[in-house]
Full PDB file with SEQRES, HELIX, SHEET, SSBOND, CRYST1, ORIGX, SCALE, CONECT and MASTER records, all heavy atoms in Angstrom:
SEQRES   1 A   44  PRO VAL ASP GLY GLY GLU PRO ILE SER ILE PHE GLU SER          
SEQRES   2 A   44  GLY ALA ILE LEU LEU TYR LEU ALA LYS LYS ILE ASN GLN          
SEQRES   3 A   44  PHE LEU PRO THR ASP ILE ARG GLY GLU MET GLU VAL MET          
SEQRES   4 A   44  GLN TRP LEU PHE TRP                                          
HELIX    1 AA1 SER A   13  ILE A   24  1                                  12    
HELIX    2 AA2 ILE A   32  PHE A   43  1                                  12    
CRYST1    1.000    1.000    1.000  90.00  90.00  90.00 P 1           1          
ORIGX1      1.000000  0.000000  0.000000        0.00000                         
ORIGX2      0.000000  1.000000  0.000000        0.00000                         
ORIGX3      0.000000  0.000000  1.000000        0.00000                         
SCALE1      1.000000  0.000000  0.000000        0.00000                         
SCALE2      0.000000  1.000000  0.000000        0.00000                         
SCALE3      0.000000  0.000000  1.000000        0.00000                         
ATOM      1  N   PRO A   1      25.990 -68.197  19.387  1.00  0.00           N  
ATOM      2  CA  PRO A   1      27.455 -68.145  19.513  1.00  0.00           C  
ATOM      3  C   PRO A   1      28.113 -67.868  18.165  1.00  0.00           C  
ATOM      4  O   PRO A   1      27.537 -68.129  17.108  1.00  0.00           O  
ATOM      5  CB  PRO A   1      27.816 -69.544  20.032  1.00  0.00           C  
ATOM      6  CG  PRO A   1      26.679 -70.410  19.626  1.00  0.00           C  
ATOM      7  CD  PRO A   1      25.458 -69.543  19.642  1.00  0.00           C  
ATOM      8  N   VAL A   2      29.316 -67.325  18.222  1.00  0.00           N  
ATOM      9  CA  VAL A   2      29.976 -66.889  16.991  1.00  0.00           C  
ATOM     10  C   VAL A   2      30.322 -68.057  16.078  1.00  0.00           C  
ATOM     11  O   VAL A   2      30.508 -67.863  14.871  1.00  0.00           O  
ATOM     12  CB  VAL A   2      31.253 -66.081  17.311  1.00  0.00           C  
ATOM     13  CG1 VAL A   2      30.895 -64.768  17.963  1.00  0.00           C  
ATOM     14  CG2 VAL A   2      32.205 -66.878  18.205  1.00  0.00           C  
ATOM     15  N   ASP A   3      30.417 -69.271  16.610  1.00  0.00           N  
ATOM     16  CA  ASP A   3      30.739 -70.410  15.742  1.00  0.00           C  
ATOM     17  C   ASP A   3      29.503 -70.950  15.030  1.00  0.00           C  
ATOM     18  O   ASP A   3      29.600 -71.897  14.238  1.00  0.00           O  
ATOM     19  CB  ASP A   3      31.430 -71.519  16.537  1.00  0.00           C  
ATOM     20  CG  ASP A   3      30.550 -72.137  17.619  1.00  0.00           C  
ATOM     21  OD1 ASP A   3      29.369 -71.739  17.738  1.00  0.00           O  
ATOM     22  OD2 ASP A   3      31.049 -73.010  18.349  1.00  0.00           O  
ATOM     23  N   GLY A   4      28.345 -70.358  15.299  1.00  0.00           N  
ATOM     24  CA  GLY A   4      27.129 -70.790  14.627  1.00  0.00           C  
ATOM     25  C   GLY A   4      26.574 -72.112  15.100  1.00  0.00           C  
ATOM     26  O   GLY A   4      25.623 -72.630  14.521  1.00  0.00           O  
ATOM     27  N   GLY A   5      27.140 -72.657  16.164  1.00  0.00           N  
ATOM     28  CA  GLY A   5      26.706 -73.961  16.647  1.00  0.00           C  
ATOM     29  C   GLY A   5      25.562 -73.866  17.640  1.00  0.00           C  
ATOM     30  O   GLY A   5      24.826 -72.878  17.685  1.00  0.00           O  
ATOM     31  N   GLU A   6      25.435 -74.925  18.438  1.00  0.00           N  
ATOM     32  CA  GLU A   6      24.382 -74.980  19.444  1.00  0.00           C  
ATOM     33  C   GLU A   6      24.598 -73.901  20.503  1.00  0.00           C  
ATOM     34  O   GLU A   6      25.720 -73.403  20.683  1.00  0.00           O  
ATOM     35  CB  GLU A   6      24.385 -76.361  20.104  1.00  0.00           C  
ATOM     36  CG  GLU A   6      23.999 -77.496  19.178  1.00  0.00           C  
ATOM     37  CD  GLU A   6      22.556 -77.380  18.711  1.00  0.00           C  
ATOM     38  OE1 GLU A   6      21.678 -77.104  19.560  1.00  0.00           O  
ATOM     39  OE2 GLU A   6      22.303 -77.558  17.499  1.00  0.00           O  
ATOM     40  N   PRO A   7      23.542 -73.514  21.228  1.00  0.00           N  
ATOM     41  CA  PRO A   7      23.714 -72.548  22.322  1.00  0.00           C  
ATOM     42  C   PRO A   7      24.814 -72.992  23.276  1.00  0.00           C  
ATOM     43  O   PRO A   7      25.001 -74.185  23.515  1.00  0.00           O  
ATOM     44  CB  PRO A   7      22.341 -72.548  22.997  1.00  0.00           C  
ATOM     45  CG  PRO A   7      21.389 -72.920  21.902  1.00  0.00           C  
ATOM     46  CD  PRO A   7      22.133 -73.932  21.061  1.00  0.00           C  
ATOM     47  N   ILE A   8      25.539 -72.020  23.799  1.00  0.00           N  
ATOM     48  CA  ILE A   8      26.653 -72.301  24.698  1.00  0.00           C  
ATOM     49  C   ILE A   8      26.359 -71.690  26.057  1.00  0.00           C  
ATOM     50  O   ILE A   8      25.872 -70.561  26.153  1.00  0.00           O  
ATOM     51  CB  ILE A   8      27.992 -71.762  24.128  1.00  0.00           C  
ATOM     52  CG1 ILE A   8      29.171 -72.145  25.029  1.00  0.00           C  
ATOM     53  CG2 ILE A   8      27.946 -70.251  23.912  1.00  0.00           C  
ATOM     54  CD1 ILE A   8      30.518 -71.820  24.422  1.00  0.00           C  
ATOM     55  N   SER A   9      26.611 -72.460  27.112  1.00  0.00           N  
ATOM     56  CA  SER A   9      26.411 -71.959  28.470  1.00  0.00           C  
ATOM     57  C   SER A   9      27.767 -71.723  29.127  1.00  0.00           C  
ATOM     58  O   SER A   9      28.724 -72.476  28.897  1.00  0.00           O  
ATOM     59  CB  SER A   9      25.577 -72.934  29.296  1.00  0.00           C  
ATOM     60  OG  SER A   9      26.258 -74.153  29.490  1.00  0.00           O  
ATOM     61  N   ILE A  10      27.832 -70.675  29.946  1.00  0.00           N  
ATOM     62  CA  ILE A  10      29.088 -70.284  30.596  1.00  0.00           C  
ATOM     63  C   ILE A  10      28.782 -69.855  32.020  1.00  0.00           C  
ATOM     64  O   ILE A  10      27.819 -69.108  32.258  1.00  0.00           O  
ATOM     65  CB  ILE A  10      29.774 -69.120  29.853  1.00  0.00           C  
ATOM     66  CG1 ILE A  10      29.999 -69.486  28.389  1.00  0.00           C  
ATOM     67  CG2 ILE A  10      31.098 -68.747  30.505  1.00  0.00           C  
ATOM     68  CD1 ILE A  10      30.294 -68.302  27.503  1.00  0.00           C  
ATOM     69  N   PHE A  11      29.590 -70.332  32.964  1.00  0.00           N  
ATOM     70  CA  PHE A  11      29.477 -69.864  34.338  1.00  0.00           C  
ATOM     71  C   PHE A  11      30.793 -69.219  34.745  1.00  0.00           C  
ATOM     72  O   PHE A  11      31.791 -69.316  34.028  1.00  0.00           O  
ATOM     73  CB  PHE A  11      29.088 -71.005  35.291  1.00  0.00           C  
ATOM     74  CG  PHE A  11      30.170 -72.042  35.523  1.00  0.00           C  
ATOM     75  CD1 PHE A  11      30.944 -72.015  36.668  1.00  0.00           C  
ATOM     76  CD2 PHE A  11      30.378 -73.069  34.596  1.00  0.00           C  
ATOM     77  CE1 PHE A  11      31.919 -72.978  36.893  1.00  0.00           C  
ATOM     78  CE2 PHE A  11      31.353 -74.042  34.818  1.00  0.00           C  
ATOM     79  CZ  PHE A  11      32.125 -73.993  35.971  1.00  0.00           C  
ATOM     80  N   GLU A  12      30.809 -68.528  35.870  1.00  0.00           N  
ATOM     81  CA  GLU A  12      31.905 -67.722  36.394  1.00  0.00           C  
ATOM     82  C   GLU A  12      31.961 -66.374  35.671  1.00  0.00           C  
ATOM     83  O   GLU A  12      32.130 -66.301  34.451  1.00  0.00           O  
ATOM     84  CB  GLU A  12      33.257 -68.429  36.326  1.00  0.00           C  
ATOM     85  CG  GLU A  12      33.451 -69.505  37.371  1.00  0.00           C  
ATOM     86  CD  GLU A  12      33.495 -68.937  38.797  1.00  0.00           C  
ATOM     87  OE1 GLU A  12      34.003 -67.814  38.996  1.00  0.00           O  
ATOM     88  OE2 GLU A  12      32.992 -69.625  39.708  1.00  0.00           O  
ATOM     89  N   SER A  13      31.841 -65.303  36.461  1.00  0.00           N  
ATOM     90  CA  SER A  13      31.710 -63.963  35.892  1.00  0.00           C  
ATOM     91  C   SER A  13      32.918 -63.558  35.044  1.00  0.00           C  
ATOM     92  O   SER A  13      32.764 -62.907  34.010  1.00  0.00           O  
ATOM     93  CB  SER A  13      31.481 -62.939  36.997  1.00  0.00           C  
ATOM     94  OG  SER A  13      32.541 -62.939  37.936  1.00  0.00           O  
ATOM     95  N   GLY A  14      34.124 -63.944  35.466  1.00  0.00           N  
ATOM     96  CA  GLY A  14      35.305 -63.605  34.672  1.00  0.00           C  
ATOM     97  C   GLY A  14      35.294 -64.275  33.315  1.00  0.00           C  
ATOM     98  O   GLY A  14      35.614 -63.655  32.291  1.00  0.00           O  
ATOM     99  N   ALA A  15      34.923 -65.552  33.299  1.00  0.00           N  
ATOM    100  CA  ALA A  15      34.837 -66.283  32.036  1.00  0.00           C  
ATOM    101  C   ALA A  15      33.760 -65.694  31.135  1.00  0.00           C  
ATOM    102  O   ALA A  15      33.933 -65.597  29.909  1.00  0.00           O  
ATOM    103  CB  ALA A  15      34.553 -67.762  32.299  1.00  0.00           C  
ATOM    104  N   ILE A  16      32.652 -65.280  31.731  1.00  0.00           N  
ATOM    105  CA  ILE A  16      31.570 -64.671  30.943  1.00  0.00           C  
ATOM    106  C   ILE A  16      32.042 -63.370  30.312  1.00  0.00           C  
ATOM    107  O   ILE A  16      31.803 -63.102  29.123  1.00  0.00           O  
ATOM    108  CB  ILE A  16      30.338 -64.437  31.832  1.00  0.00           C  
ATOM    109  CG1 ILE A  16      29.755 -65.767  32.305  1.00  0.00           C  
ATOM    110  CG2 ILE A  16      29.270 -63.639  31.076  1.00  0.00           C  
ATOM    111  CD1 ILE A  16      28.711 -65.629  33.404  1.00  0.00           C  
ATOM    112  N   LEU A  17      32.720 -62.526  31.092  1.00  0.00           N  
ATOM    113  CA  LEU A  17      33.217 -61.257  30.556  1.00  0.00           C  
ATOM    114  C   LEU A  17      34.197 -61.484  29.411  1.00  0.00           C  
ATOM    115  O   LEU A  17      34.135 -60.808  28.377  1.00  0.00           O  
ATOM    116  CB  LEU A  17      33.886 -60.438  31.666  1.00  0.00           C  
ATOM    117  CG  LEU A  17      32.952 -59.821  32.709  1.00  0.00           C  
ATOM    118  CD1 LEU A  17      33.771 -59.196  33.836  1.00  0.00           C  
ATOM    119  CD2 LEU A  17      32.034 -58.788  32.082  1.00  0.00           C  
ATOM    120  N   LEU A  18      35.095 -62.449  29.577  1.00  0.00           N  
ATOM    121  CA  LEU A  18      36.051 -62.751  28.503  1.00  0.00           C  
ATOM    122  C   LEU A  18      35.334 -63.249  27.256  1.00  0.00           C  
ATOM    123  O   LEU A  18      35.650 -62.826  26.130  1.00  0.00           O  
ATOM    124  CB  LEU A  18      37.059 -63.795  28.986  1.00  0.00           C  
ATOM    125  CG  LEU A  18      38.211 -63.284  29.842  1.00  0.00           C  
ATOM    126  CD1 LEU A  18      38.998 -64.452  30.422  1.00  0.00           C  
ATOM    127  CD2 LEU A  18      39.140 -62.385  29.024  1.00  0.00           C  
ATOM    128  N   TYR A  19      34.389 -64.134  27.445  1.00  0.00           N  
ATOM    129  CA  TYR A  19      33.649 -64.674  26.302  1.00  0.00           C  
ATOM    130  C   TYR A  19      32.927 -63.567  25.548  1.00  0.00           C  
ATOM    131  O   TYR A  19      33.003 -63.478  24.309  1.00  0.00           O  
ATOM    132  CB  TYR A  19      32.653 -65.728  26.776  1.00  0.00           C  
ATOM    133  CG  TYR A  19      31.705 -66.173  25.684  1.00  0.00           C  
ATOM    134  CD1 TYR A  19      32.097 -67.117  24.735  1.00  0.00           C  
ATOM    135  CD2 TYR A  19      30.434 -65.623  25.574  1.00  0.00           C  
ATOM    136  CE1 TYR A  19      31.235 -67.503  23.707  1.00  0.00           C  
ATOM    137  CE2 TYR A  19      29.566 -66.001  24.558  1.00  0.00           C  
ATOM    138  CZ  TYR A  19      29.979 -66.941  23.625  1.00  0.00           C  
ATOM    139  OH  TYR A  19      29.134 -67.308  22.602  1.00  0.00           O  
ATOM    140  N   LEU A  20      32.212 -62.734  26.274  1.00  0.00           N  
ATOM    141  CA  LEU A  20      31.438 -61.674  25.627  1.00  0.00           C  
ATOM    142  C   LEU A  20      32.333 -60.658  24.942  1.00  0.00           C  
ATOM    143  O   LEU A  20      32.023 -60.178  23.844  1.00  0.00           O  
ATOM    144  CB  LEU A  20      30.531 -60.992  26.657  1.00  0.00           C  
ATOM    145  CG  LEU A  20      29.402 -61.853  27.233  1.00  0.00           C  
ATOM    146  CD1 LEU A  20      28.690 -61.104  28.363  1.00  0.00           C  
ATOM    147  CD2 LEU A  20      28.407 -62.246  26.145  1.00  0.00           C  
ATOM    148  N   ALA A  21      33.458 -60.314  25.581  1.00  0.00           N  
ATOM    149  CA  ALA A  21      34.384 -59.353  24.966  1.00  0.00           C  
ATOM    150  C   ALA A  21      34.943 -59.901  23.656  1.00  0.00           C  
ATOM    151  O   ALA A  21      35.073 -59.172  22.662  1.00  0.00           O  
ATOM    152  CB  ALA A  21      35.514 -59.030  25.939  1.00  0.00           C  
ATOM    153  N   LYS A  22      35.271 -61.184  23.645  1.00  0.00           N  
ATOM    154  CA  LYS A  22      35.787 -61.794  22.421  1.00  0.00           C  
ATOM    155  C   LYS A  22      34.680 -61.944  21.374  1.00  0.00           C  
ATOM    156  O   LYS A  22      34.935 -61.859  20.171  1.00  0.00           O  
ATOM    157  CB  LYS A  22      36.414 -63.150  22.743  1.00  0.00           C  
ATOM    158  CG  LYS A  22      37.745 -63.038  23.497  1.00  0.00           C  
ATOM    159  CD  LYS A  22      38.331 -64.393  23.802  1.00  0.00           C  
ATOM    160  CE  LYS A  22      39.698 -64.273  24.466  1.00  0.00           C  
ATOM    161  NZ  LYS A  22      40.727 -63.733  23.541  1.00  0.00           N  
ATOM    162  N   LYS A  23      33.468 -62.161  21.835  1.00  0.00           N  
ATOM    163  CA  LYS A  23      32.344 -62.332  20.913  1.00  0.00           C  
ATOM    164  C   LYS A  23      32.116 -61.078  20.069  1.00  0.00           C  
ATOM    165  O   LYS A  23      31.866 -61.166  18.864  1.00  0.00           O  
ATOM    166  CB  LYS A  23      31.075 -62.663  21.701  1.00  0.00           C  
ATOM    167  CG  LYS A  23      29.785 -62.742  20.870  1.00  0.00           C  
ATOM    168  CD  LYS A  23      28.572 -62.974  21.767  1.00  0.00           C  
ATOM    169  CE  LYS A  23      27.273 -62.885  20.999  1.00  0.00           C  
ATOM    170  NZ  LYS A  23      27.000 -64.061  20.149  1.00  0.00           N  
ATOM    171  N   ILE A  24      32.237 -59.897  20.710  1.00  0.00           N  
ATOM    172  CA  ILE A  24      31.935 -58.655  19.994  1.00  0.00           C  
ATOM    173  C   ILE A  24      33.183 -57.829  19.690  1.00  0.00           C  
ATOM    174  O   ILE A  24      33.085 -56.745  19.113  1.00  0.00           O  
ATOM    175  CB  ILE A  24      30.928 -57.802  20.783  1.00  0.00           C  
ATOM    176  CG1 ILE A  24      31.542 -57.335  22.108  1.00  0.00           C  
ATOM    177  CG2 ILE A  24      29.628 -58.556  21.012  1.00  0.00           C  
ATOM    178  CD1 ILE A  24      30.709 -56.280  22.809  1.00  0.00           C  
ATOM    179  N   ASN A  25      34.360 -58.351  20.105  1.00  0.00           N  
ATOM    180  CA  ASN A  25      35.626 -57.639  19.866  1.00  0.00           C  
ATOM    181  C   ASN A  25      35.598 -56.225  20.431  1.00  0.00           C  
ATOM    182  O   ASN A  25      36.003 -55.256  19.781  1.00  0.00           O  
ATOM    183  CB  ASN A  25      35.950 -57.599  18.367  1.00  0.00           C  
ATOM    184  CG  ASN A  25      36.265 -58.965  17.809  1.00  0.00           C  
ATOM    185  OD1 ASN A  25      37.010 -59.737  18.421  1.00  0.00           O  
ATOM    186  ND2 ASN A  25      35.698 -59.296  16.660  1.00  0.00           N  
ATOM    187  N   GLN A  26      35.156 -56.122  21.672  1.00  0.00           N  
ATOM    188  CA  GLN A  26      35.159 -54.849  22.381  1.00  0.00           C  
ATOM    189  C   GLN A  26      35.589 -55.074  23.825  1.00  0.00           C  
ATOM    190  O   GLN A  26      35.431 -56.160  24.377  1.00  0.00           O  
ATOM    191  CB  GLN A  26      33.772 -54.209  22.379  1.00  0.00           C  
ATOM    192  CG  GLN A  26      33.292 -53.692  21.039  1.00  0.00           C  
ATOM    193  CD  GLN A  26      31.982 -52.952  21.174  1.00  0.00           C  
ATOM    194  OE1 GLN A  26      31.846 -52.033  21.987  1.00  0.00           O  
ATOM    195  NE2 GLN A  26      30.991 -53.349  20.391  1.00  0.00           N  
ATOM    196  N   PHE A  27      36.141 -54.013  24.418  1.00  0.00           N  
ATOM    197  CA  PHE A  27      36.498 -53.982  25.835  1.00  0.00           C  
ATOM    198  C   PHE A  27      37.609 -54.950  26.201  1.00  0.00           C  
ATOM    199  O   PHE A  27      37.804 -55.273  27.377  1.00  0.00           O  
ATOM    200  CB  PHE A  27      35.259 -54.237  26.709  1.00  0.00           C  
ATOM    201  CG  PHE A  27      34.094 -53.352  26.361  1.00  0.00           C  
ATOM    202  CD1 PHE A  27      32.897 -53.894  25.895  1.00  0.00           C  
ATOM    203  CD2 PHE A  27      34.203 -51.972  26.470  1.00  0.00           C  
ATOM    204  CE1 PHE A  27      31.827 -53.082  25.575  1.00  0.00           C  
ATOM    205  CE2 PHE A  27      33.132 -51.145  26.138  1.00  0.00           C  
ATOM    206  CZ  PHE A  27      31.943 -51.699  25.694  1.00  0.00           C  
ATOM    207  N   LEU A  28      38.340 -55.439  25.202  1.00  0.00           N  
ATOM    208  CA  LEU A  28      39.515 -56.281  25.414  1.00  0.00           C  
ATOM    209  C   LEU A  28      40.461 -56.043  24.242  1.00  0.00           C  
ATOM    210  O   LEU A  28      40.090 -56.325  23.094  1.00  0.00           O  
ATOM    211  CB  LEU A  28      39.127 -57.756  25.482  1.00  0.00           C  
ATOM    212  CG  LEU A  28      40.269 -58.761  25.720  1.00  0.00           C  
ATOM    213  CD1 LEU A  28      40.873 -58.561  27.103  1.00  0.00           C  
ATOM    214  CD2 LEU A  28      39.757 -60.193  25.556  1.00  0.00           C  
ATOM    215  N   PRO A  29      41.653 -55.505  24.503  1.00  0.00           N  
ATOM    216  CA  PRO A  29      42.577 -55.208  23.397  1.00  0.00           C  
ATOM    217  C   PRO A  29      42.919 -56.459  22.593  1.00  0.00           C  
ATOM    218  O   PRO A  29      42.914 -57.574  23.110  1.00  0.00           O  
ATOM    219  CB  PRO A  29      43.814 -54.644  24.106  1.00  0.00           C  
ATOM    220  CG  PRO A  29      43.305 -54.149  25.424  1.00  0.00           C  
ATOM    221  CD  PRO A  29      42.194 -55.087  25.798  1.00  0.00           C  
ATOM    222  N   THR A  30      43.235 -56.249  21.337  1.00  0.00           N  
ATOM    223  CA  THR A  30      43.606 -57.367  20.467  1.00  0.00           C  
ATOM    224  C   THR A  30      45.108 -57.608  20.445  1.00  0.00           C  
ATOM    225  O   THR A  30      45.551 -58.685  20.050  1.00  0.00           O  
ATOM    226  CB  THR A  30      43.104 -57.117  19.035  1.00  0.00           C  
ATOM    227  OG1 THR A  30      43.602 -55.852  18.579  1.00  0.00           O  
ATOM    228  CG2 THR A  30      41.583 -57.091  19.001  1.00  0.00           C  
ATOM    229  N   ASP A  31      45.906 -56.618  20.852  1.00  0.00           N  
ATOM    230  CA  ASP A  31      47.355 -56.842  20.913  1.00  0.00           C  
ATOM    231  C   ASP A  31      47.692 -57.558  22.211  1.00  0.00           C  
ATOM    232  O   ASP A  31      47.007 -57.403  23.230  1.00  0.00           O  
ATOM    233  CB  ASP A  31      48.110 -55.516  20.826  1.00  0.00           C  
ATOM    234  CG  ASP A  31      47.877 -54.635  22.042  1.00  0.00           C  
ATOM    235  OD1 ASP A  31      46.760 -54.080  22.168  1.00  0.00           O  
ATOM    236  OD2 ASP A  31      48.780 -54.523  22.887  1.00  0.00           O  
ATOM    237  N   ILE A  32      48.751 -58.352  22.193  1.00  0.00           N  
ATOM    238  CA  ILE A  32      49.065 -59.238  23.304  1.00  0.00           C  
ATOM    239  C   ILE A  32      49.369 -58.467  24.584  1.00  0.00           C  
ATOM    240  O   ILE A  32      48.929 -58.854  25.679  1.00  0.00           O  
ATOM    241  CB  ILE A  32      50.242 -60.190  22.948  1.00  0.00           C  
ATOM    242  CG1 ILE A  32      50.454 -61.224  24.066  1.00  0.00           C  
ATOM    243  CG2 ILE A  32      51.518 -59.409  22.678  1.00  0.00           C  
ATOM    244  CD1 ILE A  32      49.277 -62.133  24.298  1.00  0.00           C  
ATOM    245  N   ARG A  33      50.062 -57.334  24.471  1.00  0.00           N  
ATOM    246  CA  ARG A  33      50.418 -56.571  25.677  1.00  0.00           C  
ATOM    247  C   ARG A  33      49.171 -55.934  26.312  1.00  0.00           C  
ATOM    248  O   ARG A  33      48.991 -55.957  27.530  1.00  0.00           O  
ATOM    249  CB  ARG A  33      51.468 -55.519  25.359  1.00  0.00           C  
ATOM    250  CG  ARG A  33      52.799 -56.123  24.956  1.00  0.00           C  
ATOM    251  CD  ARG A  33      53.830 -55.067  24.574  1.00  0.00           C  
ATOM    252  NE  ARG A  33      55.032 -55.690  24.036  1.00  0.00           N  
ATOM    253  CZ  ARG A  33      56.046 -56.114  24.769  1.00  0.00           C  
ATOM    254  NH1 ARG A  33      56.015 -55.962  26.077  1.00  0.00           N  
ATOM    255  NH2 ARG A  33      57.101 -56.669  24.195  1.00  0.00           N  
ATOM    256  N   GLY A  34      48.333 -55.383  25.465  1.00  0.00           N  
ATOM    257  CA  GLY A  34      47.103 -54.795  25.971  1.00  0.00           C  
ATOM    258  C   GLY A  34      46.174 -55.831  26.565  1.00  0.00           C  
ATOM    259  O   GLY A  34      45.552 -55.617  27.613  1.00  0.00           O  
ATOM    260  N   GLU A  35      46.084 -56.979  25.885  1.00  0.00           N  
ATOM    261  CA  GLU A  35      45.226 -58.048  26.388  1.00  0.00           C  
ATOM    262  C   GLU A  35      45.715 -58.543  27.742  1.00  0.00           C  
ATOM    263  O   GLU A  35      44.925 -58.769  28.664  1.00  0.00           O  
ATOM    264  CB  GLU A  35      45.184 -59.212  25.395  1.00  0.00           C  
ATOM    265  CG  GLU A  35      44.281 -60.347  25.847  1.00  0.00           C  
ATOM    266  CD  GLU A  35      44.254 -61.505  24.873  1.00  0.00           C  
ATOM    267  OE1 GLU A  35      44.915 -61.432  23.818  1.00  0.00           O  
ATOM    268  OE2 GLU A  35      43.563 -62.503  25.172  1.00  0.00           O  
ATOM    269  N   MET A  36      47.008 -58.727  27.895  1.00  0.00           N  
ATOM    270  CA  MET A  36      47.548 -59.220  29.156  1.00  0.00           C  
ATOM    271  C   MET A  36      47.370 -58.199  30.273  1.00  0.00           C  
ATOM    272  O   MET A  36      47.189 -58.575  31.440  1.00  0.00           O  
ATOM    273  CB  MET A  36      49.030 -59.585  28.999  1.00  0.00           C  
ATOM    274  CG  MET A  36      49.267 -60.861  28.207  1.00  0.00           C  
ATOM    275  SD  MET A  36      48.443 -62.316  28.943  1.00  0.00           S  
ATOM    276  CE  MET A  36      47.032 -62.504  27.837  1.00  0.00           C  
ATOM    277  N   GLU A  37      47.414 -56.916  29.942  1.00  0.00           N  
ATOM    278  CA  GLU A  37      47.174 -55.889  30.950  1.00  0.00           C  
ATOM    279  C   GLU A  37      45.764 -56.038  31.521  1.00  0.00           C  
ATOM    280  O   GLU A  37      45.556 -56.004  32.736  1.00  0.00           O  
ATOM    281  CB  GLU A  37      47.357 -54.498  30.337  1.00  0.00           C  
ATOM    282  CG  GLU A  37      47.222 -53.347  31.317  1.00  0.00           C  
ATOM    283  CD  GLU A  37      48.427 -53.166  32.223  1.00  0.00           C  
ATOM    284  OE1 GLU A  37      49.460 -53.839  32.006  1.00  0.00           O  
ATOM    285  OE2 GLU A  37      48.329 -52.362  33.156  1.00  0.00           O  
ATOM    286  N   VAL A  38      44.791 -56.226  30.646  1.00  0.00           N  
ATOM    287  CA  VAL A  38      43.416 -56.423  31.092  1.00  0.00           C  
ATOM    288  C   VAL A  38      43.282 -57.741  31.853  1.00  0.00           C  
ATOM    289  O   VAL A  38      42.653 -57.801  32.923  1.00  0.00           O  
ATOM    290  CB  VAL A  38      42.444 -56.392  29.897  1.00  0.00           C  
ATOM    291  CG1 VAL A  38      41.038 -56.826  30.328  1.00  0.00           C  
ATOM    292  CG2 VAL A  38      42.407 -55.007  29.275  1.00  0.00           C  
ATOM    293  N   MET A  39      43.882 -58.801  31.329  1.00  0.00           N  
ATOM    294  CA  MET A  39      43.749 -60.122  31.950  1.00  0.00           C  
ATOM    295  C   MET A  39      44.316 -60.137  33.369  1.00  0.00           C  
ATOM    296  O   MET A  39      43.733 -60.741  34.276  1.00  0.00           O  
ATOM    297  CB  MET A  39      44.460 -61.160  31.092  1.00  0.00           C  
ATOM    298  CG  MET A  39      43.827 -61.379  29.741  1.00  0.00           C  
ATOM    299  SD  MET A  39      42.388 -62.446  29.806  1.00  0.00           S  
ATOM    300  CE  MET A  39      43.184 -64.045  29.784  1.00  0.00           C  
ATOM    301  N   GLN A  40      45.459 -59.465  33.569  1.00  0.00           N  
ATOM    302  CA  GLN A  40      46.058 -59.432  34.901  1.00  0.00           C  
ATOM    303  C   GLN A  40      45.099 -58.834  35.919  1.00  0.00           C  
ATOM    304  O   GLN A  40      44.905 -59.383  37.013  1.00  0.00           O  
ATOM    305  CB  GLN A  40      47.349 -58.609  34.881  1.00  0.00           C  
ATOM    306  CG  GLN A  40      48.495 -59.272  34.165  1.00  0.00           C  
ATOM    307  CD  GLN A  40      49.716 -58.372  34.115  1.00  0.00           C  
ATOM    308  OE1 GLN A  40      50.686 -58.613  34.827  1.00  0.00           O  
ATOM    309  NE2 GLN A  40      49.668 -57.333  33.297  1.00  0.00           N  
ATOM    310  N   TRP A  41      44.494 -57.708  35.551  1.00  0.00           N  
ATOM    311  CA  TRP A  41      43.607 -57.035  36.488  1.00  0.00           C  
ATOM    312  C   TRP A  41      42.270 -57.770  36.637  1.00  0.00           C  
ATOM    313  O   TRP A  41      41.662 -57.754  37.714  1.00  0.00           O  
ATOM    314  CB  TRP A  41      43.399 -55.585  36.087  1.00  0.00           C  
ATOM    315  CG  TRP A  41      44.640 -54.788  36.346  1.00  0.00           C  
ATOM    316  CD1 TRP A  41      45.560 -54.350  35.431  1.00  0.00           C  
ATOM    317  CD2 TRP A  41      45.127 -54.380  37.625  1.00  0.00           C  
ATOM    318  NE1 TRP A  41      46.588 -53.694  36.064  1.00  0.00           N  
ATOM    319  CE2 TRP A  41      46.346 -53.694  37.412  1.00  0.00           C  
ATOM    320  CE3 TRP A  41      44.653 -54.521  38.926  1.00  0.00           C  
ATOM    321  CZ2 TRP A  41      47.083 -53.155  38.463  1.00  0.00           C  
ATOM    322  CZ3 TRP A  41      45.385 -53.986  39.981  1.00  0.00           C  
ATOM    323  CH2 TRP A  41      46.590 -53.310  39.732  1.00  0.00           C  
ATOM    324  N   LEU A  42      41.824 -58.426  35.589  1.00  0.00           N  
ATOM    325  CA  LEU A  42      40.617 -59.239  35.704  1.00  0.00           C  
ATOM    326  C   LEU A  42      40.855 -60.385  36.683  1.00  0.00           C  
ATOM    327  O   LEU A  42      40.026 -60.645  37.570  1.00  0.00           O  
ATOM    328  CB  LEU A  42      40.217 -59.791  34.333  1.00  0.00           C  
ATOM    329  CG  LEU A  42      38.999 -60.719  34.321  1.00  0.00           C  
ATOM    330  CD1 LEU A  42      37.739 -59.994  34.772  1.00  0.00           C  
ATOM    331  CD2 LEU A  42      38.801 -61.326  32.929  1.00  0.00           C  
ATOM    332  N   PHE A  43      41.988 -61.066  36.568  1.00  0.00           N  
ATOM    333  CA  PHE A  43      42.285 -62.173  37.474  1.00  0.00           C  
ATOM    334  C   PHE A  43      42.576 -61.661  38.883  1.00  0.00           C  
ATOM    335  O   PHE A  43      42.293 -62.351  39.871  1.00  0.00           O  
ATOM    336  CB  PHE A  43      43.449 -63.004  36.932  1.00  0.00           C  
ATOM    337  CG  PHE A  43      43.024 -64.002  35.890  1.00  0.00           C  
ATOM    338  CD1 PHE A  43      42.861 -63.631  34.563  1.00  0.00           C  
ATOM    339  CD2 PHE A  43      42.759 -65.320  36.238  1.00  0.00           C  
ATOM    340  CE1 PHE A  43      42.446 -64.532  33.606  1.00  0.00           C  
ATOM    341  CE2 PHE A  43      42.352 -66.241  35.291  1.00  0.00           C  
ATOM    342  CZ  PHE A  43      42.187 -65.847  33.971  1.00  0.00           C  
ATOM    343  N   TRP A  44      43.129 -60.457  38.991  1.00  0.00           N  
ATOM    344  CA  TRP A  44      43.336 -59.839  40.304  1.00  0.00           C  
ATOM    345  C   TRP A  44      41.993 -59.647  41.004  1.00  0.00           C  
ATOM    346  O   TRP A  44      41.852 -59.928  42.193  1.00  0.00           O  
ATOM    347  CB  TRP A  44      44.032 -58.494  40.111  1.00  0.00           C  
ATOM    348  CG  TRP A  44      44.199 -57.668  41.352  1.00  0.00           C  
ATOM    349  CD1 TRP A  44      45.175 -57.799  42.305  1.00  0.00           C  
ATOM    350  CD2 TRP A  44      43.385 -56.564  41.769  1.00  0.00           C  
ATOM    351  NE1 TRP A  44      45.017 -56.851  43.290  1.00  0.00           N  
ATOM    352  CE2 TRP A  44      43.926 -56.079  42.983  1.00  0.00           C  
ATOM    353  CE3 TRP A  44      42.259 -55.934  41.238  1.00  0.00           C  
ATOM    354  CZ2 TRP A  44      43.381 -54.990  43.676  1.00  0.00           C  
ATOM    355  CZ3 TRP A  44      41.713 -54.863  41.910  1.00  0.00           C  
ATOM    356  CH2 TRP A  44      42.267 -54.395  43.113  1.00  0.00           C  
TER     357      TRP A  44                                                      
MASTER        0    0    0    2    0    0    0    6  356    1    0    4          
END                                                                             
């Protein structure tokens, strides 16, 4: 994990996608409007 701590486990596919996108800073915009656009459709 990016915090360098113990292994982290995650369930739920949406949560996994968000975690991985934030981990590598890809496939999720960094600006708030772009991020919310993706988040809306992910939750949809």
